């Protein structure tokens, strides 16, 4: 998935930290959903991107992530 990196150093500060916790992951998922909506993507478009085969996640992980994104999409205003 190709999403733009933060435009300002202040926005990207968290990217430099090596420790990742649930709050950062949740914030990243919310960010991905918001970017997709802003770009006019549908939930189906976003899920199709998540399910694309890549070297980062295996198929089970991609499926799990897609389920989380669906829940976030339906929950967020």
Protein backbone atom coordinates (compact mmCIF):
# COMPACT_ATOMS: atom_id res chain seq x y z
CA UNK A 1 0.00 0.00 0.00
CA UNK A 2 1.42 3.33 -0.96
CA UNK A 3 0.46 6.08 1.43
CA UNK A 4 2.29 9.39 1.69
CA UNK A 5 4.72 9.90 4.52
CA UNK A 6 3.96 12.76 6.92
CA UNK A 7 4.68 16.15 5.40
CA UNK A 8 6.16 17.63 8.56
CA UNK A 9 8.87 16.43 10.90
CA UNK A 10 6.52 16.80 13.86
CA UNK A 11 4.05 14.39 12.24
CA UNK A 12 6.73 11.80 11.55
CA UNK A 13 8.36 11.86 14.96
CA UNK A 14 6.67 8.64 16.00
CA UNK A 15 8.04 6.85 12.96
CA UNK A 16 11.57 7.12 14.30
CA UNK A 17 10.80 5.33 17.54
CA UNK A 18 11.47 1.61 17.46
CA UNK A 19 8.90 0.62 20.09
CA UNK A 20 5.45 -0.09 18.66
CA UNK A 21 2.45 -0.61 20.91
CA UNK A 22 -1.26 -1.15 20.36
CA UNK A 23 -2.01 2.57 20.45
CA UNK A 24 0.43 3.29 17.62
CA UNK A 25 -0.96 0.43 15.55
CA UNK A 26 -4.52 1.63 16.16
CA UNK A 27 -3.52 5.19 15.23
CA UNK A 28 -1.91 3.90 12.03
CA UNK A 29 -5.05 1.97 11.09
CA UNK A 30 -7.22 5.04 11.75
CA UNK A 31 -4.82 7.07 9.60
CA UNK A 32 -5.01 4.58 6.75
CA UNK A 33 -8.81 4.57 6.87
CA UNK A 34 -8.92 8.39 6.93
CA UNK A 35 -6.45 8.70 4.04
CA UNK A 36 -8.45 6.20 1.99
CA UNK A 37 -11.69 8.07 2.63
CA UNK A 38 -10.06 11.42 1.84
CA UNK A 39 -8.80 9.97 -1.44
CA UNK A 40 -12.31 8.79 -2.34
CA UNK A 41 -11.56 5.11 -1.93
CA UNK A 42 -14.28 2.69 -0.93
CA UNK A 43 -13.89 0.09 1.76
CA UNK A 44 -13.67 -2.50 -1.00
CA UNK A 45 -10.80 -0.58 -2.64
CA UNK A 46 -8.90 -0.44 0.63
CA UNK A 47 -9.43 -4.13 1.41
CA UNK A 48 -8.25 -5.06 -2.08
CA UNK A 49 -5.01 -3.15 -1.38
CA UNK A 50 -4.54 -4.87 1.97
CA UNK A 51 -5.07 -8.30 0.47
CA UNK A 52 -2.48 -7.82 -2.29
CA UNK A 53 0.36 -10.29 -1.87
CA UNK A 54 3.54 -8.69 -0.57
CA UNK A 55 6.67 -9.67 1.32
CA UNK A 56 5.64 -7.93 4.55
CA UNK A 57 2.64 -10.01 5.63
CA UNK A 58 1.59 -13.56 4.91
CA UNK A 59 -1.93 -14.28 3.66
CA UNK A 60 -3.31 -15.02 7.12
CA UNK A 61 -1.93 -11.73 8.48
CA UNK A 62 -3.34 -9.79 5.52
CA UNK A 63 -6.76 -11.36 6.10
CA UNK A 64 -6.61 -10.51 9.81
CA UNK A 65 -5.59 -6.91 9.01
CA UNK A 66 -8.41 -6.57 6.48
CA UNK A 67 -10.92 -7.63 9.15
CA UNK A 68 -9.55 -5.00 11.53
CA UNK A 69 -9.79 -2.35 8.81
CA UNK A 70 -13.40 -3.29 8.08
CA UNK A 71 -14.24 -2.91 11.78
CA UNK A 72 -12.42 0.44 11.93
CA UNK A 73 -14.14 1.69 8.77
CA UNK A 74 -17.57 0.83 10.20
CA UNK A 75 -16.78 2.30 13.61
CA UNK A 76 -15.12 5.60 12.67
CA UNK A 77 -17.33 8.60 11.96
